[in-house]
C-alpha cells in the first residue's frame, strides 16, 4: 500500500460489563469526559446530540509536558441502533465543530474518518469493536491506533469505577 492510500483501523475489546453499561459510558457526555483521549490527556468537555444527523464535540487537552493545548474532535452521527451500533464521522475541529483547515493539521492527518462502534453481548460481557475507515497510511494513523488503545484502557478503568458506584 502506498503511503498516501487510505487504510482502516480496527480494535476489539471484550469488556467485563453488560452492553447497557458500555453503551452508557460511550454515549453520556459526562462519562465520556472521564475516559476520552490517550494516556495523560484529559477531556474537559463533551457534547452529544445522540440522534441521526446529530453532532458530537469532544475536547481533549494535552498534558503540560506536551504543551497543554486543547483540541477538539467532532462529527455527525450517521446511524444509531441503540445498544448495538454507533456510526459517525470524525474530524479535528474547532470548539464549534468546524473542520480545521488542512494547513493547520499535522502532515497526512485524515479528516472525516468513517467510524463504526459495535456493541455485542457475549454471555453477559460486551465485545466492543471499533472500525475507523479513511485514515491515510502514515505516522498519524499509527498514533490514532495507539491513542484508541490508550483511550480504551482509560475506558476500562472508568467502567470498573462506574460499575462499583452502581452496586
N, C-alpha and C. Protein backbone atom coordinates (compact mmCIF):
# COMPACT_ATOMS: atom_id res chain seq x y z
N UNK A 1 0.85 -1.17 0.00
CA UNK A 1 0.00 0.00 0.00
C UNK A 1 0.90 1.24 0.00
N UNK A 2 0.65 2.16 -0.89
CA UNK A 2 1.43 3.38 -0.95
C UNK A 2 1.11 4.25 0.26
N UNK A 3 2.04 5.14 0.60
CA UNK A 3 1.91 5.97 1.79
C UNK A 3 0.64 6.81 1.75
N UNK A 4 0.17 7.23 0.59
CA UNK A 4 -0.97 8.13 0.50
C UNK A 4 -2.32 7.41 0.46
N UNK A 5 -2.32 6.10 0.38
CA UNK A 5 -3.58 5.36 0.30
C UNK A 5 -4.26 5.28 1.66
N UNK A 6 -5.58 5.12 1.61
CA UNK A 6 -6.37 5.04 2.84
C UNK A 6 -6.26 3.65 3.46
N UNK A 7 -6.41 3.62 4.75
CA UNK A 7 -6.37 2.36 5.48
C UNK A 7 -7.46 2.39 6.54
N UNK A 8 -7.64 1.28 7.22
CA UNK A 8 -8.60 1.25 8.32
C UNK A 8 -7.92 0.75 9.57
N UNK A 9 -8.49 1.18 10.68
CA UNK A 9 -8.01 0.78 12.00
C UNK A 9 -9.15 0.02 12.65
N UNK A 10 -8.85 -1.18 13.17
CA UNK A 10 -9.87 -1.98 13.86
C UNK A 10 -9.32 -2.38 15.22
N UNK A 11 -10.13 -2.14 16.24
CA UNK A 11 -9.77 -2.53 17.61
C UNK A 11 -10.93 -3.29 18.21
N UNK A 12 -10.65 -4.42 18.83
CA UNK A 12 -11.65 -5.23 19.52
C UNK A 12 -11.29 -5.32 20.99
N UNK A 13 -12.29 -5.25 21.84
CA UNK A 13 -12.10 -5.47 23.27
C UNK A 13 -13.28 -6.27 23.80
N UNK A 14 -13.01 -7.17 24.71
CA UNK A 14 -14.06 -7.81 25.50
C UNK A 14 -14.04 -7.12 26.85
N UNK A 15 -15.17 -6.56 27.24
CA UNK A 15 -15.26 -5.79 28.47
C UNK A 15 -16.15 -6.52 29.47
N UNK A 16 -15.73 -6.50 30.71
CA UNK A 16 -16.45 -7.21 31.77
C UNK A 16 -17.58 -6.33 32.29
N UNK A 17 -18.60 -6.16 31.44
CA UNK A 17 -19.76 -5.35 31.77
C UNK A 17 -20.84 -5.63 30.74
N UNK A 18 -22.09 -5.46 31.13
CA UNK A 18 -23.17 -5.63 30.15
C UNK A 18 -23.16 -4.52 29.10
N UNK A 19 -23.74 -4.81 27.95
CA UNK A 19 -23.79 -3.85 26.85
C UNK A 19 -24.38 -2.52 27.30
N UNK A 20 -25.44 -2.55 28.10
CA UNK A 20 -26.09 -1.30 28.52
C UNK A 20 -25.12 -0.37 29.25
N UNK A 21 -24.24 -0.93 30.05
CA UNK A 21 -23.27 -0.13 30.79
C UNK A 21 -22.21 0.44 29.85
N UNK A 22 -21.72 -0.38 28.94
CA UNK A 22 -20.71 0.07 27.98
C UNK A 22 -21.31 1.16 27.09
N UNK A 23 -22.54 0.97 26.63
CA UNK A 23 -23.24 1.96 25.82
C UNK A 23 -23.34 3.29 26.58
N UNK A 24 -23.70 3.22 27.85
CA UNK A 24 -23.86 4.43 28.67
C UNK A 24 -22.55 5.21 28.74
N UNK A 25 -21.44 4.52 28.97
CA UNK A 25 -20.16 5.22 29.05
C UNK A 25 -19.76 5.83 27.71
N UNK A 26 -20.24 5.27 26.63
CA UNK A 26 -19.90 5.76 25.30
C UNK A 26 -20.79 6.93 24.87
N UNK A 27 -22.00 7.03 25.45
CA UNK A 27 -22.98 8.00 24.95
C UNK A 27 -23.39 9.08 25.95
N UNK A 28 -22.93 8.99 27.18
CA UNK A 28 -23.25 10.01 28.19
C UNK A 28 -22.08 11.01 28.23
N UNK A 29 -22.34 12.28 27.87
CA UNK A 29 -21.23 13.25 27.79
C UNK A 29 -20.42 13.37 29.07
N UNK A 30 -21.07 13.33 30.22
CA UNK A 30 -20.35 13.44 31.49
C UNK A 30 -19.38 12.27 31.67
N UNK A 31 -19.80 11.09 31.26
CA UNK A 31 -18.94 9.91 31.40
C UNK A 31 -17.83 9.90 30.35
N UNK A 32 -18.12 10.40 29.15
CA UNK A 32 -17.09 10.46 28.10
C UNK A 32 -15.90 11.30 28.55
N UNK A 33 -16.16 12.36 29.33
CA UNK A 33 -15.06 13.22 29.78
C UNK A 33 -14.11 12.50 30.74
N UNK A 34 -14.53 11.37 31.25
CA UNK A 34 -13.69 10.62 32.18
C UNK A 34 -12.70 9.68 31.48
N UNK A 35 -12.91 9.42 30.17
CA UNK A 35 -12.03 8.45 29.50
C UNK A 35 -11.53 8.87 28.12
N UNK A 36 -12.11 9.88 27.52
CA UNK A 36 -11.76 10.23 26.14
C UNK A 36 -10.31 10.70 26.05
N UNK A 37 -9.61 10.22 25.06
CA UNK A 37 -8.25 10.67 24.77
C UNK A 37 -7.20 9.70 25.25
N UNK A 38 -6.01 9.82 24.68
CA UNK A 38 -4.93 8.91 25.05
C UNK A 38 -4.41 9.16 26.46
N UNK A 39 -3.54 8.28 26.88
CA UNK A 39 -2.91 8.35 28.20
C UNK A 39 -2.36 9.75 28.46
N UNK A 40 -2.56 10.23 29.68
CA UNK A 40 -2.08 11.54 30.14
C UNK A 40 -2.87 12.72 29.59
N UNK A 41 -3.82 12.49 28.70
CA UNK A 41 -4.69 13.55 28.20
C UNK A 41 -5.96 13.58 29.03
N UNK A 42 -6.57 14.75 29.12
CA UNK A 42 -7.87 14.87 29.78
C UNK A 42 -8.90 15.30 28.75
N UNK A 43 -10.15 15.20 29.12
CA UNK A 43 -11.25 15.60 28.24
C UNK A 43 -12.11 16.62 29.00
N UNK A 44 -11.79 17.91 28.88
CA UNK A 44 -12.52 18.92 29.64
C UNK A 44 -14.01 19.02 29.33
N UNK A 45 -14.41 18.66 28.10
CA UNK A 45 -15.83 18.78 27.77
C UNK A 45 -16.23 17.77 26.70
N UNK A 46 -17.51 17.45 26.72
CA UNK A 46 -18.10 16.58 25.69
C UNK A 46 -19.55 17.00 25.50
N UNK A 47 -19.94 17.15 24.27
CA UNK A 47 -21.33 17.44 23.92
C UNK A 47 -21.79 16.33 22.97
N UNK A 48 -22.99 15.80 23.22
CA UNK A 48 -23.50 14.72 22.38
C UNK A 48 -24.97 14.99 22.08
N UNK A 49 -25.28 15.08 20.79
CA UNK A 49 -26.66 15.13 20.31
C UNK A 49 -26.92 13.78 19.66
N UNK A 50 -27.32 12.81 20.48
CA UNK A 50 -27.38 11.40 20.07
C UNK A 50 -28.64 11.12 19.26
N UNK A 51 -28.56 11.47 17.99
CA UNK A 51 -29.62 11.18 17.02
C UNK A 51 -28.97 11.20 15.65
N UNK A 52 -29.57 10.50 14.69
CA UNK A 52 -29.04 10.53 13.34
C UNK A 52 -29.07 11.97 12.85
N UNK A 53 -27.93 12.44 12.38
CA UNK A 53 -27.78 13.84 11.97
C UNK A 53 -27.31 14.74 13.09
N UNK A 54 -27.28 14.22 14.33
CA UNK A 54 -26.80 14.99 15.47
C UNK A 54 -25.28 15.05 15.48
N UNK A 55 -24.76 16.05 16.16
CA UNK A 55 -23.32 16.27 16.23
C UNK A 55 -22.80 15.99 17.64
N UNK A 56 -21.58 15.52 17.71
CA UNK A 56 -20.87 15.42 18.98
C UNK A 56 -19.62 16.29 18.85
N UNK A 57 -19.17 16.83 19.97
CA UNK A 57 -17.91 17.58 20.03
C UNK A 57 -17.24 17.20 21.34
N UNK A 58 -16.07 16.57 21.24
CA UNK A 58 -15.29 16.18 22.41
C UNK A 58 -14.00 17.00 22.43
N UNK A 59 -13.66 17.54 23.59
CA UNK A 59 -12.37 18.22 23.71
C UNK A 59 -11.34 17.27 24.30
N UNK A 60 -10.10 17.59 24.05
CA UNK A 60 -9.00 16.78 24.56
C UNK A 60 -7.87 17.75 24.88
N UNK A 61 -7.34 17.64 26.08
CA UNK A 61 -6.25 18.54 26.49
C UNK A 61 -4.98 17.74 26.70
N UNK A 62 -3.94 18.19 26.01
CA UNK A 62 -2.63 17.54 26.13
C UNK A 62 -2.05 17.83 27.51
N UNK A 63 -1.23 16.92 28.02
CA UNK A 63 -0.55 17.19 29.29
C UNK A 63 0.43 18.35 29.12
N UNK A 64 0.77 18.99 30.23
CA UNK A 64 1.68 20.14 30.17
C UNK A 64 3.01 19.80 29.52
N UNK A 65 3.52 18.56 29.77
CA UNK A 65 4.81 18.21 29.17
C UNK A 65 4.74 18.10 27.65
N UNK A 66 3.51 18.11 27.08
CA UNK A 66 3.34 18.14 25.63
C UNK A 66 2.77 19.48 25.16
N UNK A 67 2.79 20.47 26.03
CA UNK A 67 2.36 21.80 25.64
C UNK A 67 1.00 22.23 26.19
N UNK A 68 0.17 21.27 26.62
CA UNK A 68 -1.11 21.60 27.25
C UNK A 68 -2.19 22.10 26.31
N UNK A 69 -2.01 22.01 25.02
CA UNK A 69 -3.00 22.52 24.07
C UNK A 69 -4.30 21.73 24.13
N UNK A 70 -5.41 22.43 23.91
CA UNK A 70 -6.72 21.77 23.83
C UNK A 70 -7.08 21.62 22.36
N UNK A 71 -7.59 20.45 21.99
CA UNK A 71 -8.04 20.20 20.63
C UNK A 71 -9.44 19.60 20.69
N UNK A 72 -10.09 19.55 19.55
CA UNK A 72 -11.48 19.09 19.50
C UNK A 72 -11.66 18.08 18.39
N UNK A 73 -12.46 17.07 18.69
CA UNK A 73 -12.88 16.07 17.71
C UNK A 73 -14.38 16.18 17.60
N UNK A 74 -14.88 16.21 16.38
CA UNK A 74 -16.31 16.35 16.18
C UNK A 74 -16.74 15.53 14.98
N UNK A 75 -18.02 15.27 14.92
CA UNK A 75 -18.57 14.55 13.78
C UNK A 75 -20.08 14.48 13.87
N UNK A 76 -20.64 13.80 12.89
CA UNK A 76 -22.08 13.67 12.75
C UNK A 76 -22.45 12.19 12.85
N UNK A 77 -23.49 11.91 13.63
CA UNK A 77 -23.99 10.53 13.72
C UNK A 77 -24.74 10.19 12.43
N UNK A 78 -24.35 9.10 11.81
CA UNK A 78 -24.95 8.64 10.55
C UNK A 78 -25.96 7.52 10.77
N UNK A 79 -25.70 6.69 11.79
CA UNK A 79 -26.60 5.57 12.08
C UNK A 79 -26.48 5.25 13.56
N UNK A 80 -27.62 5.01 14.19
CA UNK A 80 -27.64 4.65 15.60
C UNK A 80 -28.63 3.51 15.77
N UNK A 81 -28.16 2.41 16.30
CA UNK A 81 -29.03 1.31 16.72
C UNK A 81 -28.75 1.16 18.21
N UNK A 82 -29.66 1.64 19.06
CA UNK A 82 -29.39 1.64 20.50
C UNK A 82 -28.90 0.28 21.00
N UNK A 83 -27.85 0.34 21.81
CA UNK A 83 -27.21 -0.82 22.45
C UNK A 83 -26.55 -1.77 21.46
N UNK A 84 -26.44 -1.35 20.18
CA UNK A 84 -25.81 -2.20 19.18
C UNK A 84 -24.75 -1.50 18.34
N UNK A 85 -25.06 -0.28 17.88
CA UNK A 85 -24.18 0.32 16.88
C UNK A 85 -24.25 1.84 16.89
N UNK A 86 -23.08 2.46 16.78
CA UNK A 86 -22.94 3.89 16.52
C UNK A 86 -22.09 4.03 15.26
N UNK A 87 -22.57 4.82 14.31
CA UNK A 87 -21.81 5.09 13.10
C UNK A 87 -21.74 6.61 12.95
N UNK A 88 -20.52 7.13 12.79
CA UNK A 88 -20.36 8.57 12.75
C UNK A 88 -19.08 8.94 12.01
N UNK A 89 -18.94 10.23 11.72
CA UNK A 89 -17.72 10.75 11.15
C UNK A 89 -16.86 11.32 12.28
N UNK A 90 -15.56 11.48 12.00
CA UNK A 90 -14.63 12.07 12.96
C UNK A 90 -13.70 13.02 12.23
N UNK A 91 -13.58 14.23 12.76
CA UNK A 91 -12.63 15.20 12.23
C UNK A 91 -12.07 16.02 13.38
N UNK A 92 -10.89 16.58 13.16
CA UNK A 92 -10.35 17.56 14.09
C UNK A 92 -11.01 18.88 13.74
N UNK A 93 -11.58 19.53 14.76
CA UNK A 93 -12.35 20.75 14.52
C UNK A 93 -11.96 21.84 15.51
N UNK A 94 -12.62 22.97 15.37
CA UNK A 94 -12.51 23.98 16.41
C UNK A 94 -13.57 23.67 17.47
N UNK A 95 -13.68 24.51 18.48
CA UNK A 95 -14.61 24.24 19.59
C UNK A 95 -16.07 24.27 19.15
N UNK A 96 -16.35 24.82 17.97
CA UNK A 96 -17.72 24.87 17.45
C UNK A 96 -18.03 23.73 16.50
N UNK A 97 -17.06 22.84 16.28
CA UNK A 97 -17.29 21.70 15.40
C UNK A 97 -17.01 21.97 13.93
N UNK A 98 -16.34 23.09 13.63
CA UNK A 98 -15.97 23.43 12.26
C UNK A 98 -14.61 22.79 11.95
N UNK A 99 -14.54 22.04 10.84
CA UNK A 99 -13.29 21.36 10.47
C UNK A 99 -12.12 22.34 10.43
N UNK A 100 -10.99 21.89 10.95
CA UNK A 100 -9.77 22.69 10.91
C UNK A 100 -9.27 22.75 9.46
N UNK A 101 -8.74 23.90 9.04
CA UNK A 101 -8.14 23.98 7.70
C UNK A 101 -6.98 22.99 7.58
N UNK A 102 -6.84 22.41 6.41
CA UNK A 102 -5.81 21.39 6.17
C UNK A 102 -4.42 21.90 6.54
N UNK A 103 -4.14 23.17 6.30
CA UNK A 103 -2.79 23.69 6.59
C UNK A 103 -2.53 23.83 8.09
N UNK A 104 -3.56 23.62 8.93
CA UNK A 104 -3.37 23.68 10.38
C UNK A 104 -3.33 22.28 11.01
N UNK A 105 -3.39 21.26 10.18
CA UNK A 105 -3.35 19.88 10.66
C UNK A 105 -1.94 19.30 10.49
N UNK A 106 -1.61 18.29 11.31
CA UNK A 106 -0.34 17.60 11.09
C UNK A 106 -0.32 16.98 9.69
N UNK A 107 0.87 16.80 9.16
CA UNK A 107 1.02 16.22 7.82
C UNK A 107 0.34 14.85 7.75
N UNK A 108 -0.40 14.61 6.68
CA UNK A 108 -1.11 13.36 6.41
C UNK A 108 -2.20 13.04 7.43
N UNK A 109 -2.72 14.06 8.11
CA UNK A 109 -3.79 13.81 9.07
C UNK A 109 -5.10 13.68 8.32
N UNK A 110 -5.84 12.63 8.60
CA UNK A 110 -7.09 12.36 7.89
C UNK A 110 -8.27 13.06 8.57
N UNK A 111 -9.16 13.58 7.77
CA UNK A 111 -10.39 14.19 8.24
C UNK A 111 -11.57 13.35 7.74
N UNK A 112 -12.71 13.53 8.36
CA UNK A 112 -13.94 12.81 8.01
C UNK A 112 -13.74 11.30 8.00
N UNK A 113 -13.07 10.81 9.03
CA UNK A 113 -12.86 9.38 9.18
C UNK A 113 -14.20 8.74 9.51
N UNK A 114 -14.56 7.70 8.79
CA UNK A 114 -15.83 6.98 8.99
C UNK A 114 -15.63 5.97 10.11
N UNK A 115 -16.40 6.09 11.18
CA UNK A 115 -16.21 5.26 12.36
C UNK A 115 -17.47 4.48 12.68
N UNK A 116 -17.28 3.20 12.99
CA UNK A 116 -18.38 2.33 13.42
C UNK A 116 -17.97 1.69 14.73
N UNK A 117 -18.83 1.84 15.74
CA UNK A 117 -18.61 1.21 17.04
C UNK A 117 -19.73 0.21 17.23
N UNK A 118 -19.35 -1.07 17.39
CA UNK A 118 -20.33 -2.14 17.56
C UNK A 118 -20.27 -2.68 18.98
N UNK A 119 -21.44 -2.90 19.56
CA UNK A 119 -21.59 -3.41 20.92
C UNK A 119 -22.30 -4.76 20.82
N UNK A 120 -21.66 -5.83 21.23
CA UNK A 120 -22.25 -7.17 21.14
C UNK A 120 -22.20 -7.87 22.48
N UNK A 121 -23.32 -8.48 22.87
CA UNK A 121 -23.37 -9.26 24.10
C UNK A 121 -22.70 -10.61 23.89
N UNK A 122 -21.79 -10.94 24.79
CA UNK A 122 -21.12 -12.24 24.77
C UNK A 122 -21.26 -12.81 26.18
N UNK A 123 -22.35 -13.54 26.41
CA UNK A 123 -22.61 -14.16 27.71
C UNK A 123 -22.50 -13.16 28.87
N UNK A 124 -23.12 -12.01 28.71
CA UNK A 124 -23.12 -11.01 29.76
C UNK A 124 -21.96 -10.03 29.73
N UNK A 125 -20.96 -10.33 28.91
CA UNK A 125 -19.85 -9.40 28.69
C UNK A 125 -20.15 -8.61 27.41
N UNK A 126 -19.33 -7.62 27.13
CA UNK A 126 -19.53 -6.85 25.91
C UNK A 126 -18.31 -6.95 25.02
N UNK A 127 -18.54 -7.34 23.77
CA UNK A 127 -17.49 -7.24 22.77
C UNK A 127 -17.68 -5.89 22.10
N UNK A 128 -16.66 -5.05 22.19
CA UNK A 128 -16.67 -3.73 21.59
C UNK A 128 -15.74 -3.77 20.39
N UNK A 129 -16.26 -3.44 19.22
CA UNK A 129 -15.45 -3.42 18.00
C UNK A 129 -15.53 -2.02 17.42
N UNK A 130 -14.38 -1.40 17.27
CA UNK A 130 -14.30 -0.06 16.70
C UNK A 130 -13.56 -0.16 15.37
N UNK A 131 -14.19 0.33 14.32
CA UNK A 131 -13.58 0.34 13.00
C UNK A 131 -13.56 1.78 12.50
N UNK A 132 -12.38 2.26 12.17
CA UNK A 132 -12.20 3.60 11.61
C UNK A 132 -11.67 3.43 10.19
N UNK A 133 -12.42 3.95 9.21
CA UNK A 133 -12.02 3.84 7.81
C UNK A 133 -11.69 5.23 7.25
N UNK A 134 -10.63 5.27 6.46
CA UNK A 134 -10.29 6.51 5.78
C UNK A 134 -9.03 7.18 6.29
N UNK A 135 -8.30 6.52 7.17
CA UNK A 135 -7.03 7.08 7.63
C UNK A 135 -6.01 6.99 6.50
N UNK A 136 -5.23 8.04 6.33
CA UNK A 136 -4.09 7.98 5.43
C UNK A 136 -3.04 7.13 6.12
N UNK A 137 -2.50 6.17 5.40
CA UNK A 137 -1.46 5.32 6.00
C UNK A 137 -0.22 6.16 6.22
N UNK A 138 -0.01 6.51 7.48
CA UNK A 138 1.08 7.42 7.84
C UNK A 138 1.35 7.27 9.33
N UNK A 139 2.28 8.06 9.82
CA UNK A 139 2.57 8.06 11.24
C UNK A 139 1.32 8.47 12.04
N UNK A 140 0.49 9.35 11.49
CA UNK A 140 -0.72 9.78 12.19
C UNK A 140 -1.69 8.61 12.40
N UNK A 141 -1.78 7.68 11.45
CA UNK A 141 -2.66 6.53 11.64
C UNK A 141 -2.11 5.61 12.73
N UNK A 142 -0.81 5.55 12.87
CA UNK A 142 -0.19 4.77 13.95
C UNK A 142 -0.52 5.42 15.29
N UNK A 143 -0.41 6.75 15.36
CA UNK A 143 -0.77 7.47 16.59
C UNK A 143 -2.24 7.28 16.91
N UNK A 144 -3.10 7.28 15.90
CA UNK A 144 -4.54 7.10 16.12
C UNK A 144 -4.81 5.71 16.69
N UNK A 145 -4.14 4.70 16.16
CA UNK A 145 -4.31 3.33 16.65
C UNK A 145 -3.86 3.22 18.11
N UNK A 146 -2.68 3.77 18.40
CA UNK A 146 -2.18 3.73 19.78
C UNK A 146 -3.09 4.53 20.70
N UNK A 147 -3.53 5.69 20.25
CA UNK A 147 -4.41 6.53 21.06
C UNK A 147 -5.74 5.86 21.35
N UNK A 148 -6.26 5.11 20.37
CA UNK A 148 -7.52 4.40 20.60
C UNK A 148 -7.34 3.34 21.68
N UNK A 149 -6.24 2.62 21.64
CA UNK A 149 -5.97 1.61 22.67
C UNK A 149 -5.83 2.27 24.05
N UNK A 150 -5.13 3.40 24.11
CA UNK A 150 -4.96 4.08 25.39
C UNK A 150 -6.30 4.61 25.90
N UNK A 151 -7.13 5.14 25.00
CA UNK A 151 -8.48 5.59 25.41
C UNK A 151 -9.28 4.43 25.96
N UNK A 152 -9.18 3.27 25.32
CA UNK A 152 -9.94 2.12 25.79
C UNK A 152 -9.40 1.59 27.11
N UNK A 153 -8.11 1.75 27.36
CA UNK A 153 -7.58 1.40 28.68
C UNK A 153 -8.21 2.30 29.74
N UNK A 154 -8.31 3.60 29.45
CA UNK A 154 -8.96 4.53 30.36
C UNK A 154 -10.46 4.21 30.48
N UNK A 155 -11.08 3.85 29.36
CA UNK A 155 -12.49 3.48 29.35
C UNK A 155 -12.72 2.29 30.28
N UNK A 156 -11.86 1.28 30.19
CA UNK A 156 -11.99 0.09 31.03
C UNK A 156 -11.87 0.44 32.51
N UNK A 157 -10.92 1.30 32.85
CA UNK A 157 -10.76 1.72 34.25
C UNK A 157 -12.01 2.46 34.72
N UNK A 158 -12.54 3.33 33.88
CA UNK A 158 -13.74 4.08 34.24
C UNK A 158 -14.95 3.15 34.33
N UNK A 159 -14.99 2.14 33.49
CA UNK A 159 -16.08 1.16 33.52
C UNK A 159 -16.14 0.47 34.88
N UNK A 160 -14.99 0.09 35.41
CA UNK A 160 -14.97 -0.55 36.73
C UNK A 160 -15.41 0.42 37.83
N UNK A 161 -14.96 1.67 37.77
CA UNK A 161 -15.37 2.67 38.75
C UNK A 161 -16.88 2.93 38.67
N UNK A 162 -17.38 3.04 37.45
CA UNK A 162 -18.81 3.30 37.24
C UNK A 162 -19.64 2.13 37.79
N UNK A 163 -19.23 0.91 37.45
CA UNK A 163 -19.96 -0.27 37.92
C UNK A 163 -19.94 -0.35 39.45
N UNK A 164 -18.79 -0.06 40.06
CA UNK A 164 -18.67 -0.10 41.52
C UNK A 164 -19.59 0.94 42.18
N UNK A 165 -19.74 2.10 41.54
CA UNK A 165 -20.59 3.16 42.11
C UNK A 165 -22.07 2.81 42.03
N UNK A 166 -22.42 1.86 41.17
CA UNK A 166 -23.82 1.46 41.00
C UNK A 166 -24.21 0.28 41.86
N UNK A 167 -23.22 -0.33 42.54
CA UNK A 167 -23.50 -1.51 43.38
C UNK A 167 -24.07 -1.11 44.73
